[in-house]
């Protein structure tokens, strides 16, 4: 290759760097789930969801979404509870939203069901420890996000679990501020 005066050698842009991400998908018969919830009533709902999730109205999809999280972390580890995963009002980091949206579009294309619902999730307890083993992040926290959709008698959910605090590439280590702990830089007290 010959360079002429004033010409610079252009290097190809480096591909974006993303942390390891765990993915889980669940597809369940919506009628079967409704029957189970009807039989179990309030006990079923309390066993499956936290008070914060019930305030968000996340009960209807909780079973399927949490099943997709269980698949993402590799199963139900010893000490598992359904409360290891809790829907949150915040949003995941921008890079995680983009990745989840891309995966949701692929799942929508293959199932024909639009995944229109979504939420951030806290991942804790035995499930957090199981995810840490698989993710091996530098930070000691993990977070999650999920998308779901219903139609044609099915409930489809998609969950990702990722190392919390991974940079967005825009200089914001915390993306949208989801998942910060007291003592972390910029965390409100």
C-alpha atoms as a PDB file:
ATOM      1  CA  UNK A   1       0.000   0.000   0.000  1.00  0.00           C
ATOM      2  CA  UNK A   2       1.309   3.398  -0.946  1.00  0.00           C
ATOM      3  CA  UNK A   3       0.382   6.501   1.024  1.00  0.00           C
ATOM      4  CA  UNK A   4       0.503   9.891  -0.659  1.00  0.00           C
ATOM      5  CA  UNK A   5       1.362  13.171   1.015  1.00  0.00           C
ATOM      6  CA  UNK A   6      -1.354  14.189   3.493  1.00  0.00           C
ATOM      7  CA  UNK A   7      -3.056  10.797   3.361  1.00  0.00           C
ATOM      8  CA  UNK A   8      -3.494   8.851   6.594  1.00  0.00           C
ATOM      9  CA  UNK A   9      -3.873   5.148   7.123  1.00  0.00           C
ATOM     10  CA  UNK A  10      -7.371   4.516   8.498  1.00  0.00           C
ATOM     11  CA  UNK A  11      -7.841   1.681  10.924  1.00  0.00           C
ATOM     12  CA  UNK A  12     -11.193  -0.076  11.046  1.00  0.00           C
ATOM     13  CA  UNK A  13     -13.326   0.889  14.038  1.00  0.00           C
ATOM     14  CA  UNK A  14     -13.125  -1.566  16.904  1.00  0.00           C
ATOM     15  CA  UNK A  15     -16.344  -3.499  17.493  1.00  0.00           C
ATOM     16  CA  UNK A  16     -18.222  -2.528  20.655  1.00  0.00           C
ATOM     17  CA  UNK A  17     -17.202  -4.414  23.770  1.00  0.00           C
ATOM     18  CA  UNK A  18     -20.014  -5.903  25.829  1.00  0.00           C
ATOM     19  CA  UNK A  19     -19.725  -7.870  29.030  1.00  0.00           C
ATOM     20  CA  UNK A  20     -20.866 -11.472  29.231  1.00  0.00           C
ATOM     21  CA  UNK A  21     -24.651 -11.724  29.269  1.00  0.00           C
ATOM     22  CA  UNK A  22     -26.807 -14.670  30.324  1.00  0.00           C
ATOM     23  CA  UNK A  23     -30.061 -15.180  28.387  1.00  0.00           C
ATOM     24  CA  UNK A  24     -33.197 -17.149  29.210  1.00  0.00           C
ATOM     25  CA  UNK A  25     -36.489 -17.623  27.350  1.00  0.00           C
ATOM     26  CA  UNK A  26     -39.785 -19.045  28.603  1.00  0.00           C
ATOM     27  CA  UNK A  27     -42.925 -19.822  26.640  1.00  0.00           C
ATOM     28  CA  UNK A  28     -45.940 -20.915  28.643  1.00  0.00           C
ATOM     29  CA  UNK A  29     -49.611 -21.623  27.949  1.00  0.00           C
ATOM     30  CA  UNK A  30     -51.375 -18.544  29.380  1.00  0.00           C
ATOM     31  CA  UNK A  31     -54.511 -20.530  30.302  1.00  0.00           C
ATOM     32  CA  UNK A  32     -52.470 -23.076  32.252  1.00  0.00           C
ATOM     33  CA  UNK A  33     -50.760 -20.269  34.139  1.00  0.00           C
ATOM     34  CA  UNK A  34     -54.101 -18.563  34.869  1.00  0.00           C
ATOM     35  CA  UNK A  35     -55.506 -21.853  36.235  1.00  0.00           C
ATOM     36  CA  UNK A  36     -52.483 -22.312  38.524  1.00  0.00           C
ATOM     37  CA  UNK A  37     -52.784 -18.734  39.782  1.00  0.00           C
ATOM     38  CA  UNK A  38     -56.527 -19.227  40.331  1.00  0.00           C
ATOM     39  CA  UNK A  39     -55.963 -22.413  42.358  1.00  0.00           C
ATOM     40  CA  UNK A  40     -53.166 -20.858  44.409  1.00  0.00           C
ATOM     41  CA  UNK A  41     -54.791 -17.466  44.908  1.00  0.00           C
ATOM     42  CA  UNK A  42     -53.048 -14.987  47.187  1.00  0.00           C
ATOM     43  CA  UNK A  43     -50.654 -17.659  48.532  1.00  0.00           C
ATOM     44  CA  UNK A  44     -49.381 -18.337  44.995  1.00  0.00           C
ATOM     45  CA  UNK A  45     -48.971 -14.612  44.324  1.00  0.00           C
ATOM     46  CA  UNK A  46     -47.141 -13.948  47.617  1.00  0.00           C
ATOM     47  CA  UNK A  47     -44.873 -16.960  47.103  1.00  0.00           C
ATOM     48  CA  UNK A  48     -43.962 -15.787  43.610  1.00  0.00           C
ATOM     49  CA  UNK A  49     -43.799 -11.995  43.947  1.00  0.00           C
ATOM     50  CA  UNK A  50     -42.509  -9.420  46.402  1.00  0.00           C
ATOM     51  CA  UNK A  51     -44.662  -6.602  47.806  1.00  0.00           C
ATOM     52  CA  UNK A  52     -42.780  -4.146  45.540  1.00  0.00           C
ATOM     53  CA  UNK A  53     -43.644  -6.230  42.468  1.00  0.00           C
ATOM     54  CA  UNK A  54     -47.299  -6.365  43.463  1.00  0.00           C
ATOM     55  CA  UNK A  55     -47.280  -2.555  43.691  1.00  0.00           C
ATOM     56  CA  UNK A  56     -45.885  -2.449  40.128  1.00  0.00           C
ATOM     57  CA  UNK A  57     -48.586  -4.850  38.937  1.00  0.00           C
ATOM     58  CA  UNK A  58     -46.054  -7.479  37.839  1.00  0.00           C
ATOM     59  CA  UNK A  59     -48.004 -10.525  39.126  1.00  0.00           C
ATOM     60  CA  UNK A  60     -49.569 -11.570  35.817  1.00  0.00           C
ATOM     61  CA  UNK A  61     -46.256 -12.253  34.081  1.00  0.00           C
ATOM     62  CA  UNK A  62     -44.068 -13.009  37.115  1.00  0.00           C
ATOM     63  CA  UNK A  63     -43.994 -16.796  36.751  1.00  0.00           C
ATOM     64  CA  UNK A  64     -42.901 -16.823  33.113  1.00  0.00           C
ATOM     65  CA  UNK A  65     -40.455 -13.940  33.501  1.00  0.00           C
ATOM     66  CA  UNK A  66     -38.843 -15.511  36.567  1.00  0.00           C
ATOM     67  CA  UNK A  67     -38.655 -18.867  34.763  1.00  0.00           C
ATOM     68  CA  UNK A  68     -36.693 -17.123  31.999  1.00  0.00           C
ATOM     69  CA  UNK A  69     -34.352 -15.669  34.649  1.00  0.00           C
ATOM     70  CA  UNK A  70     -33.921 -19.143  36.188  1.00  0.00           C
ATOM     71  CA  UNK A  71     -32.885 -20.446  32.773  1.00  0.00           C
ATOM     72  CA  UNK A  72     -30.475 -17.532  32.317  1.00  0.00           C
ATOM     73  CA  UNK A  73     -28.633 -18.207  35.585  1.00  0.00           C
ATOM     74  CA  UNK A  74     -28.449 -21.944  34.872  1.00  0.00           C
ATOM     75  CA  UNK A  75     -31.280 -23.347  37.008  1.00  0.00           C
ATOM     76  CA  UNK A  76     -32.503 -23.113  40.581  1.00  0.00           C
ATOM     77  CA  UNK A  77     -29.394 -23.104  42.778  1.00  0.00           C
ATOM     78  CA  UNK A  78     -29.469 -24.371  46.371  1.00  0.00           C
ATOM     79  CA  UNK A  79     -31.131 -21.680  48.476  1.00  0.00           C
ATOM     80  CA  UNK A  80     -33.195 -20.356  45.543  1.00  0.00           C
ATOM     81  CA  UNK A  81     -36.412 -18.438  46.182  1.00  0.00           C
ATOM     82  CA  UNK A  82     -38.760 -16.787  43.702  1.00  0.00           C
ATOM     83  CA  UNK A  83     -37.859 -13.498  45.370  1.00  0.00           C
ATOM     84  CA  UNK A  84     -34.261 -13.781  44.060  1.00  0.00           C
ATOM     85  CA  UNK A  85     -35.627 -11.847  41.062  1.00  0.00           C
ATOM     86  CA  UNK A  86     -37.570  -8.654  41.709  1.00  0.00           C
ATOM     87  CA  UNK A  87     -39.087  -6.290  39.150  1.00  0.00           C
ATOM     88  CA  UNK A  88     -37.925  -2.712  39.596  1.00  0.00           C
ATOM     89  CA  UNK A  89     -39.267   0.606  38.381  1.00  0.00           C
ATOM     90  CA  UNK A  90     -35.912   1.802  36.956  1.00  0.00           C
ATOM     91  CA  UNK A  91     -34.349   1.116  33.585  1.00  0.00           C
ATOM     92  CA  UNK A  92     -31.277  -0.988  32.831  1.00  0.00           C
ATOM     93  CA  UNK A  93     -28.156   0.542  31.306  1.00  0.00           C
ATOM     94  CA  UNK A  94     -28.640   1.796  27.751  1.00  0.00           C
ATOM     95  CA  UNK A  95     -26.385  -0.899  26.257  1.00  0.00           C
ATOM     96  CA  UNK A  96     -28.434  -3.610  28.046  1.00  0.00           C
ATOM     97  CA  UNK A  97     -31.692  -2.118  26.736  1.00  0.00           C
ATOM     98  CA  UNK A  98     -30.329  -2.162  23.182  1.00  0.00           C
ATOM     99  CA  UNK A  99     -29.220  -5.774  23.526  1.00  0.00           C
ATOM    100  CA  UNK A 100     -32.556  -6.809  25.045  1.00  0.00           C
ATOM    101  CA  UNK A 101     -34.476  -4.983  22.309  1.00  0.00           C
ATOM    102  CA  UNK A 102     -32.438  -6.755  19.630  1.00  0.00           C
ATOM    103  CA  UNK A 103     -33.009 -10.181  21.218  1.00  0.00           C
ATOM    104  CA  UNK A 104     -36.719  -9.380  21.699  1.00  0.00           C
ATOM    105  CA  UNK A 105     -37.038  -8.502  18.004  1.00  0.00           C
ATOM    106  CA  UNK A 106     -35.541 -11.887  17.066  1.00  0.00           C
ATOM    107  CA  UNK A 107     -37.880 -13.706  19.463  1.00  0.00           C
ATOM    108  CA  UNK A 108     -40.847 -11.763  18.100  1.00  0.00           C
ATOM    109  CA  UNK A 109     -39.845 -12.760  14.559  1.00  0.00           C
ATOM    110  CA  UNK A 110     -39.688 -16.445  15.513  1.00  0.00           C
ATOM    111  CA  UNK A 111     -42.868 -16.582  17.651  1.00  0.00           C
ATOM    112  CA  UNK A 112     -45.024 -13.943  15.994  1.00  0.00           C
ATOM    113  CA  UNK A 113     -45.692 -12.367  19.421  1.00  0.00           C
ATOM    114  CA  UNK A 114     -44.602  -8.804  20.100  1.00  0.00           C
ATOM    115  CA  UNK A 115     -42.745  -8.458  23.392  1.00  0.00           C
ATOM    116  CA  UNK A 116     -44.265  -5.152  24.471  1.00  0.00           C
ATOM    117  CA  UNK A 117     -43.888  -5.354  28.262  1.00  0.00           C
ATOM    118  CA  UNK A 118     -40.611  -4.871  30.064  1.00  0.00           C
ATOM    119  CA  UNK A 119     -38.884  -4.099  33.328  1.00  0.00           C
ATOM    120  CA  UNK A 120     -35.567  -3.967  35.106  1.00  0.00           C
ATOM    121  CA  UNK A 121     -34.931  -6.659  37.688  1.00  0.00           C
ATOM    122  CA  UNK A 122     -32.823  -6.972  40.789  1.00  0.00           C
ATOM    123  CA  UNK A 123     -30.984 -10.296  40.945  1.00  0.00           C
ATOM    124  CA  UNK A 124     -29.965 -11.391  44.427  1.00  0.00           C
ATOM    125  CA  UNK A 125     -29.527 -14.312  46.790  1.00  0.00           C
ATOM    126  CA  UNK A 126     -28.607 -17.742  45.492  1.00  0.00           C
ATOM    127  CA  UNK A 127     -29.447 -16.726  41.917  1.00  0.00           C
ATOM    128  CA  UNK A 128     -27.063 -13.762  42.071  1.00  0.00           C
ATOM    129  CA  UNK A 129     -24.299 -16.083  43.265  1.00  0.00           C
ATOM    130  CA  UNK A 130     -25.043 -18.579  40.473  1.00  0.00           C
ATOM    131  CA  UNK A 131     -24.923 -15.747  37.916  1.00  0.00           C
ATOM    132  CA  UNK A 132     -21.627 -14.455  39.327  1.00  0.00           C
ATOM    133  CA  UNK A 133     -20.042 -17.854  38.786  1.00  0.00           C
ATOM    134  CA  UNK A 134     -21.105 -17.825  35.127  1.00  0.00           C
ATOM    135  CA  UNK A 135     -20.423 -14.141  34.449  1.00  0.00           C
ATOM    136  CA  UNK A 136     -17.161 -13.735  36.386  1.00  0.00           C
ATOM    137  CA  UNK A 137     -17.544  -9.933  36.453  1.00  0.00           C
ATOM    138  CA  UNK A 138     -15.099  -7.565  38.023  1.00  0.00           C
ATOM    139  CA  UNK A 139     -17.919  -5.995  39.998  1.00  0.00           C
ATOM    140  CA  UNK A 140     -19.698  -8.021  42.623  1.00  0.00           C
ATOM    141  CA  UNK A 141     -23.268  -7.240  41.509  1.00  0.00           C
ATOM    142  CA  UNK A 142     -25.496  -8.470  38.749  1.00  0.00           C
ATOM    143  CA  UNK A 143     -28.715  -7.049  37.364  1.00  0.00           C
ATOM    144  CA  UNK A 144     -31.361  -8.163  34.941  1.00  0.00           C
ATOM    145  CA  UNK A 145     -33.920  -6.955  32.482  1.00  0.00           C
ATOM    146  CA  UNK A 146     -36.852  -8.691  30.853  1.00  0.00           C
ATOM    147  CA  UNK A 147     -39.316  -8.281  28.005  1.00  0.00           C
ATOM    148  CA  UNK A 148     -42.564 -10.194  27.567  1.00  0.00           C
ATOM    149  CA  UNK A 149     -45.621 -10.470  25.399  1.00  0.00           C
ATOM    150  CA  UNK A 150     -48.927 -12.328  25.351  1.00  0.00           C
ATOM    151  CA  UNK A 151     -51.090 -13.555  22.510  1.00  0.00           C
ATOM    152  CA  UNK A 152     -52.488 -16.640  20.791  1.00  0.00           C
ATOM    153  CA  UNK A 153     -52.868 -18.254  24.220  1.00  0.00           C
ATOM    154  CA  UNK A 154     -49.150 -17.938  25.024  1.00  0.00           C
ATOM    155  CA  UNK A 155     -47.001 -15.841  27.329  1.00  0.00           C
ATOM    156  CA  UNK A 156     -43.466 -15.400  26.012  1.00  0.00           C
ATOM    157  CA  UNK A 157     -40.704 -13.907  28.150  1.00  0.00           C
ATOM    158  CA  UNK A 158     -37.065 -13.087  27.580  1.00  0.00           C
ATOM    159  CA  UNK A 159     -34.577 -12.237  30.331  1.00  0.00           C
ATOM    160  CA  UNK A 160     -30.962 -11.132  30.365  1.00  0.00           C
ATOM    161  CA  UNK A 161     -28.644 -11.127  33.358  1.00  0.00           C
ATOM    162  CA  UNK A 162     -25.493  -9.040  33.221  1.00  0.00           C
ATOM    163  CA  UNK A 163     -22.689  -7.538  35.303  1.00  0.00           C
ATOM    164  CA  UNK A 164     -24.058  -4.333  36.798  1.00  0.00           C
ATOM    165  CA  UNK A 165     -21.924  -1.236  36.410  1.00  0.00           C
ATOM    166  CA  UNK A 166     -20.443  -2.102  33.026  1.00  0.00           C
ATOM    167  CA  UNK A 167     -19.786   1.093  31.082  1.00  0.00           C
ATOM    168  CA  UNK A 168     -22.094   2.296  28.348  1.00  0.00           C
ATOM    169  CA  UNK A 169     -19.220   3.447  26.192  1.00  0.00           C
ATOM    170  CA  UNK A 170     -20.354   7.037  26.716  1.00  0.00           C
ATOM    171  CA  UNK A 171     -18.382   7.629  29.893  1.00  0.00           C
ATOM    172  CA  UNK A 172     -21.298   6.791  32.177  1.00  0.00           C
ATOM    173  CA  UNK A 173     -20.189   3.753  34.148  1.00  0.00           C
ATOM    174  CA  UNK A 174     -23.717   3.251  35.462  1.00  0.00           C
ATOM    175  CA  UNK A 175     -25.773   3.811  32.331  1.00  0.00           C
ATOM    176  CA  UNK A 176     -29.049   5.104  33.738  1.00  0.00           C
ATOM    177  CA  UNK A 177     -28.039   4.692  37.388  1.00  0.00           C
ATOM    178  CA  UNK A 178     -29.744   1.319  37.816  1.00  0.00           C
ATOM    179  CA  UNK A 179     -28.413  -0.940  40.536  1.00  0.00           C
ATOM    180  CA  UNK A 180     -26.058   1.350  42.411  1.00  0.00           C
ATOM    181  CA  UNK A 181     -25.334   0.603  46.039  1.00  0.00           C
ATOM    182  CA  UNK A 182     -24.750   3.117  48.781  1.00  0.00           C
ATOM    183  CA  UNK A 183     -21.059   3.986  48.706  1.00  0.00           C
ATOM    184  CA  UNK A 184     -20.824   3.633  44.915  1.00  0.00           C
ATOM    185  CA  UNK A 185     -19.887   6.880  43.168  1.00  0.00           C
ATOM    186  CA  UNK A 186     -22.931   9.037  42.532  1.00  0.00           C
ATOM    187  CA  UNK A 187     -25.330   6.818  44.465  1.00  0.00           C
ATOM    188  CA  UNK A 188     -28.044   8.778  46.223  1.00  0.00           C
ATOM    189  CA  UNK A 189     -28.203   7.984  49.932  1.00  0.00           C
END
